[in-house]
C-alpha atoms as a PDB file:
ATOM      1  CA  MET A   1       5.637  31.528 -13.806  1.00  0.00           C
ATOM      2  CA  LYS A   2       3.512  32.077 -16.956  1.00  0.00           C
ATOM      3  CA  GLN A   3       3.011  28.326 -17.278  1.00  0.00           C
ATOM      4  CA  LEU A   4       2.176  27.825 -13.586  1.00  0.00           C
ATOM      5  CA  LEU A   5      -1.307  29.361 -13.773  1.00  0.00           C
ATOM      6  CA  PRO A   6      -2.480  27.304 -16.790  1.00  0.00           C
ATOM      7  CA  THR A   7      -1.039  24.172 -15.182  1.00  0.00           C
ATOM      8  CA  LEU A   8      -2.861  24.822 -11.915  1.00  0.00           C
ATOM      9  CA  PHE A   9      -6.066  25.558 -13.834  1.00  0.00           C
ATOM     10  CA  PHE A  10      -5.694  22.308 -15.755  1.00  0.00           C
ATOM     11  CA  LEU A  11      -5.161  20.309 -12.567  1.00  0.00           C
ATOM     12  CA  LEU A  12      -8.281  21.900 -11.084  1.00  0.00           C
ATOM     13  CA  LEU A  13     -10.277  20.894 -14.169  1.00  0.00           C
ATOM     14  CA  VAL A  14      -8.993  17.339 -13.968  1.00  0.00           C
ATOM     15  CA  ALA A  15      -9.753  17.129 -10.250  1.00  0.00           C
ATOM     16  CA  LEU A  16     -13.297  18.374 -10.771  1.00  0.00           C
ATOM     17  CA  GLY A  17     -13.865  16.135 -13.783  1.00  0.00           C
ATOM     18  CA  CYS A  18     -14.818  19.140 -15.870  1.00  0.00           C
ATOM     19  CA  SER A  19     -15.883  18.391 -19.419  1.00  0.00           C
ATOM     20  CA  GLY A  20     -16.318  21.949 -20.622  1.00  0.00           C
ATOM     21  CA  GLY A  21     -20.112  21.658 -20.323  1.00  0.00           C
ATOM     22  CA  ARG A  22     -20.403  19.381 -23.369  1.00  0.00           C
ATOM     23  CA  GLU A  23     -21.985  15.981 -23.562  1.00  0.00           C
ATOM     24  CA  GLN A  24     -19.434  13.221 -23.386  1.00  0.00           C
ATOM     25  CA  ALA A  25     -18.882  11.058 -26.450  1.00  0.00           C
ATOM     26  CA  ASN A  26     -19.932   7.443 -26.117  1.00  0.00           C
ATOM     27  CA  THR A  27     -16.722   5.537 -25.365  1.00  0.00           C
ATOM     28  CA  SER A  28     -18.157   2.015 -25.168  1.00  0.00           C
ATOM     29  CA  THR A  29     -17.316   0.988 -28.742  1.00  0.00           C
ATOM     30  CA  PRO A  30     -14.837   2.404 -31.237  1.00  0.00           C
ATOM     31  CA  PRO A  31     -16.248   3.894 -34.424  1.00  0.00           C
ATOM     32  CA  PRO A  32     -16.090   1.589 -37.458  1.00  0.00           C
ATOM     33  CA  GLY A  33     -13.534   1.977 -40.186  1.00  0.00           C
ATOM     34  CA  PRO A  34      -9.851   2.841 -40.339  1.00  0.00           C
ATOM     35  CA  PRO A  35      -8.391   5.611 -38.169  1.00  0.00           C
ATOM     36  CA  MET A  36      -8.147   9.129 -39.592  1.00  0.00           C
ATOM     37  CA  PRO A  37      -4.458  10.162 -39.760  1.00  0.00           C
ATOM     38  CA  VAL A  38      -3.678  13.685 -38.528  1.00  0.00           C
ATOM     39  CA  LYS A  39      -0.586  15.467 -37.234  1.00  0.00           C
ATOM     40  CA  ALA A  40      -0.844  16.796 -33.678  1.00  0.00           C
ATOM     41  CA  ASP A  41       0.059  20.303 -34.923  1.00  0.00           C
ATOM     42  CA  ASP A  42      -2.755  20.226 -37.507  1.00  0.00           C
ATOM     43  CA  LEU A  43      -5.284  18.948 -34.960  1.00  0.00           C
ATOM     44  CA  ILE A  44      -4.389  21.757 -32.549  1.00  0.00           C
ATOM     45  CA  LYS A  45      -4.529  24.375 -35.311  1.00  0.00           C
ATOM     46  CA  ALA A  46      -7.971  23.141 -36.400  1.00  0.00           C
ATOM     47  CA  TYR A  47      -9.333  23.485 -32.853  1.00  0.00           C
ATOM     48  CA  LYS A  48      -7.775  26.905 -32.342  1.00  0.00           C
ATOM     49  CA  ALA A  49      -9.252  28.142 -35.644  1.00  0.00           C
ATOM     50  CA  ASN A  50     -12.828  26.891 -35.048  1.00  0.00           C
ATOM     51  CA  GLU A  51     -13.663  24.517 -32.205  1.00  0.00           C
ATOM     52  CA  ILE A  52     -17.142  23.722 -33.527  1.00  0.00           C
ATOM     53  CA  ALA A  53     -15.922  22.793 -37.012  1.00  0.00           C
ATOM     54  CA  ALA A  54     -13.069  20.738 -35.525  1.00  0.00           C
ATOM     55  CA  ASP A  55     -15.501  18.880 -33.240  1.00  0.00           C
ATOM     56  CA  GLU A  56     -17.620  17.974 -36.259  1.00  0.00           C
ATOM     57  CA  LYS A  57     -14.575  16.609 -38.048  1.00  0.00           C
ATOM     58  CA  TYR A  58     -12.687  14.883 -35.194  1.00  0.00           C
ATOM     59  CA  ARG A  59     -14.805  14.412 -32.037  1.00  0.00           C
ATOM     60  CA  GLY A  60     -15.810  10.792 -31.431  1.00  0.00           C
ATOM     61  CA  LYS A  61     -13.758   9.538 -34.378  1.00  0.00           C
ATOM     62  CA  LEU A  62     -10.837   7.132 -34.266  1.00  0.00           C
ATOM     63  CA  LEU A  63      -7.704   9.192 -34.925  1.00  0.00           C
ATOM     64  CA  GLU A  64      -4.104   8.277 -35.668  1.00  0.00           C
ATOM     65  CA  VAL A  65      -2.188  11.238 -34.263  1.00  0.00           C
ATOM     66  CA  ALA A  66       1.541  11.766 -34.755  1.00  0.00           C
ATOM     67  CA  GLY A  67       3.629  14.406 -33.007  1.00  0.00           C
ATOM     68  CA  LYS A  68       6.462  15.305 -30.677  1.00  0.00           C
ATOM     69  CA  VAL A  69       6.165  14.044 -27.091  1.00  0.00           C
ATOM     70  CA  SER A  70       6.128  17.019 -24.709  1.00  0.00           C
ATOM     71  CA  ASP A  71       5.054  15.357 -21.437  1.00  0.00           C
ATOM     72  CA  ILE A  72       4.589  11.887 -19.949  1.00  0.00           C
ATOM     73  CA  SER A  73       2.693  11.571 -16.674  1.00  0.00           C
ATOM     74  CA  ASP A  74       0.533   9.531 -14.334  1.00  0.00           C
ATOM     75  CA  THR A  75      -2.006  12.138 -13.217  1.00  0.00           C
ATOM     76  CA  LEU A  76      -4.529  11.065 -10.596  1.00  0.00           C
ATOM     77  CA  GLY A  77      -4.183   7.447 -11.700  1.00  0.00           C
ATOM     78  CA  SER A  78      -4.499   8.238 -15.412  1.00  0.00           C
ATOM     79  CA  LEU A  79      -1.583   7.600 -17.781  1.00  0.00           C
ATOM     80  CA  GLN A  80      -1.232  10.607 -20.071  1.00  0.00           C
ATOM     81  CA  VAL A  81       1.122  11.616 -22.836  1.00  0.00           C
ATOM     82  CA  ASP A  82       1.077  15.062 -24.422  1.00  0.00           C
ATOM     83  CA  LEU A  83       2.002  15.759 -28.018  1.00  0.00           C
ATOM     84  CA  GLY A  84       2.529  19.471 -28.334  1.00  0.00           C
ATOM     85  CA  ILE A  85       3.585  22.533 -30.181  1.00  0.00           C
ATOM     86  CA  SER A  86       4.845  25.726 -28.644  1.00  0.00           C
ATOM     87  CA  THR A  87       4.379  29.113 -30.225  1.00  0.00           C
ATOM     88  CA  LYS A  88       6.648  32.120 -30.236  1.00  0.00           C
ATOM     89  CA  ASP A  89       4.525  33.569 -27.394  1.00  0.00           C
ATOM     90  CA  PHE A  90       5.439  30.613 -25.139  1.00  0.00           C
ATOM     91  CA  GLU A  91       1.875  29.385 -25.354  1.00  0.00           C
ATOM     92  CA  MET A  92       1.603  25.638 -25.086  1.00  0.00           C
ATOM     93  CA  VAL A  93      -1.406  23.747 -26.384  1.00  0.00           C
ATOM     94  CA  THR A  94      -1.168  19.997 -26.542  1.00  0.00           C
ATOM     95  CA  VAL A  95      -2.936  16.864 -27.670  1.00  0.00           C
ATOM     96  CA  LYS A  96      -3.442  14.984 -24.392  1.00  0.00           C
ATOM     97  CA  CYS A  97      -3.682  11.218 -24.875  1.00  0.00           C
ATOM     98  CA  SER A  98      -5.179   9.158 -22.038  1.00  0.00           C
ATOM     99  CA  PHE A  99      -4.085   5.519 -21.879  1.00  0.00           C
ATOM    100  CA  PRO A 100      -5.367   2.445 -20.037  1.00  0.00           C
ATOM    101  CA  ASP A 101      -2.976   0.983 -17.469  1.00  0.00           C
ATOM    102  CA  SER A 102      -2.303  -1.949 -19.829  1.00  0.00           C
ATOM    103  CA  GLU A 103      -0.253   0.466 -21.987  1.00  0.00           C
ATOM    104  CA  ARG A 104       2.082   1.384 -19.061  1.00  0.00           C
ATOM    105  CA  PRO A 105       5.053  -0.776 -20.249  1.00  0.00           C
ATOM    106  CA  LYS A 106       4.956   0.868 -23.695  1.00  0.00           C
ATOM    107  CA  ILE A 107       4.525   4.384 -22.279  1.00  0.00           C
ATOM    108  CA  ALA A 108       7.475   3.808 -19.935  1.00  0.00           C
ATOM    109  CA  LYS A 109       9.741   3.497 -22.992  1.00  0.00           C
ATOM    110  CA  LEU A 110       8.781   6.886 -24.483  1.00  0.00           C
ATOM    111  CA  GLN A 111      11.129   9.877 -24.255  1.00  0.00           C
ATOM    112  CA  LYS A 112      10.223  13.578 -24.256  1.00  0.00           C
ATOM    113  CA  GLY A 113      11.237  15.196 -27.524  1.00  0.00           C
ATOM    114  CA  ASN A 114      10.823  12.023 -29.571  1.00  0.00           C
ATOM    115  CA  THR A 115       8.111  11.579 -32.181  1.00  0.00           C
ATOM    116  CA  ALA A 116       5.304   9.126 -31.456  1.00  0.00           C
ATOM    117  CA  THR A 117       2.050   8.012 -33.077  1.00  0.00           C
ATOM    118  CA  PHE A 118      -1.079   7.169 -31.077  1.00  0.00           C
ATOM    119  CA  LEU A 119      -4.470   5.733 -31.885  1.00  0.00           C
ATOM    120  CA  GLY A 120      -7.340   7.205 -29.870  1.00  0.00           C
ATOM    121  CA  ARG A 121     -10.841   8.632 -29.960  1.00  0.00           C
ATOM    122  CA  GLY A 122     -11.141  12.408 -30.419  1.00  0.00           C
ATOM    123  CA  ASP A 123     -12.637  14.057 -27.337  1.00  0.00           C
ATOM    124  CA  GLY A 124     -12.596  17.759 -28.256  1.00  0.00           C
ATOM    125  CA  MET A 125     -10.787  20.726 -26.733  1.00  0.00           C
ATOM    126  CA  THR A 126     -10.893  21.471 -23.010  1.00  0.00           C
ATOM    127  CA  ALA A 127     -10.632  25.069 -21.778  1.00  0.00           C
ATOM    128  CA  GLY A 128      -8.309  25.998 -24.648  1.00  0.00           C
ATOM    129  CA  LEU A 129      -5.521  24.011 -22.979  1.00  0.00           C
ATOM    130  CA  TYR A 130      -5.519  20.695 -24.791  1.00  0.00           C
ATOM    131  CA  VAL A 131      -7.247  18.540 -27.384  1.00  0.00           C
ATOM    132  CA  GLY A 132      -8.158  15.247 -25.737  1.00  0.00           C
ATOM    133  CA  LEU A 133      -7.821  11.702 -27.033  1.00  0.00           C
ATOM    134  CA  THR A 134      -9.288   8.821 -25.039  1.00  0.00           C
ATOM    135  CA  ASP A 135      -8.793   5.047 -25.141  1.00  0.00           C
ATOM    136  CA  CYS A 136      -5.322   5.574 -26.608  1.00  0.00           C
ATOM    137  CA  SER A 137      -2.751   3.039 -27.638  1.00  0.00           C
ATOM    138  CA  LEU A 138       0.784   3.452 -28.902  1.00  0.00           C
ATOM    139  CA  LYS A 139       1.111   2.572 -32.560  1.00  0.00           C
END
């Protein structure tokens, strides 16, 4: 029941296309240079500690994020995979990776609980529920 309310809130945000009131990063071209490697747990911790500082470090940058797969879904026509950590308080914050449909065959092979590494562009934290990655691909 505790997880139902955040899930419903998240679905409402997705349905409304809410971006947390921030300007959207330009997604037309990837940033130059190699991807910045970061563990999903460390990315989440950075955003929970100071969202502004984390945005300066990660938002709009090409990231190579590794973590444990906690969810795999096709939500409103968008392929999404969550890499997450759970705390002792049953709080769940994830890194939500959005994939183009061309990645569907690869995503279909993933299993919850397994470790995976994704390349994607950092998109900041949304409503304290997840850290977004866009234009993702499975590494």
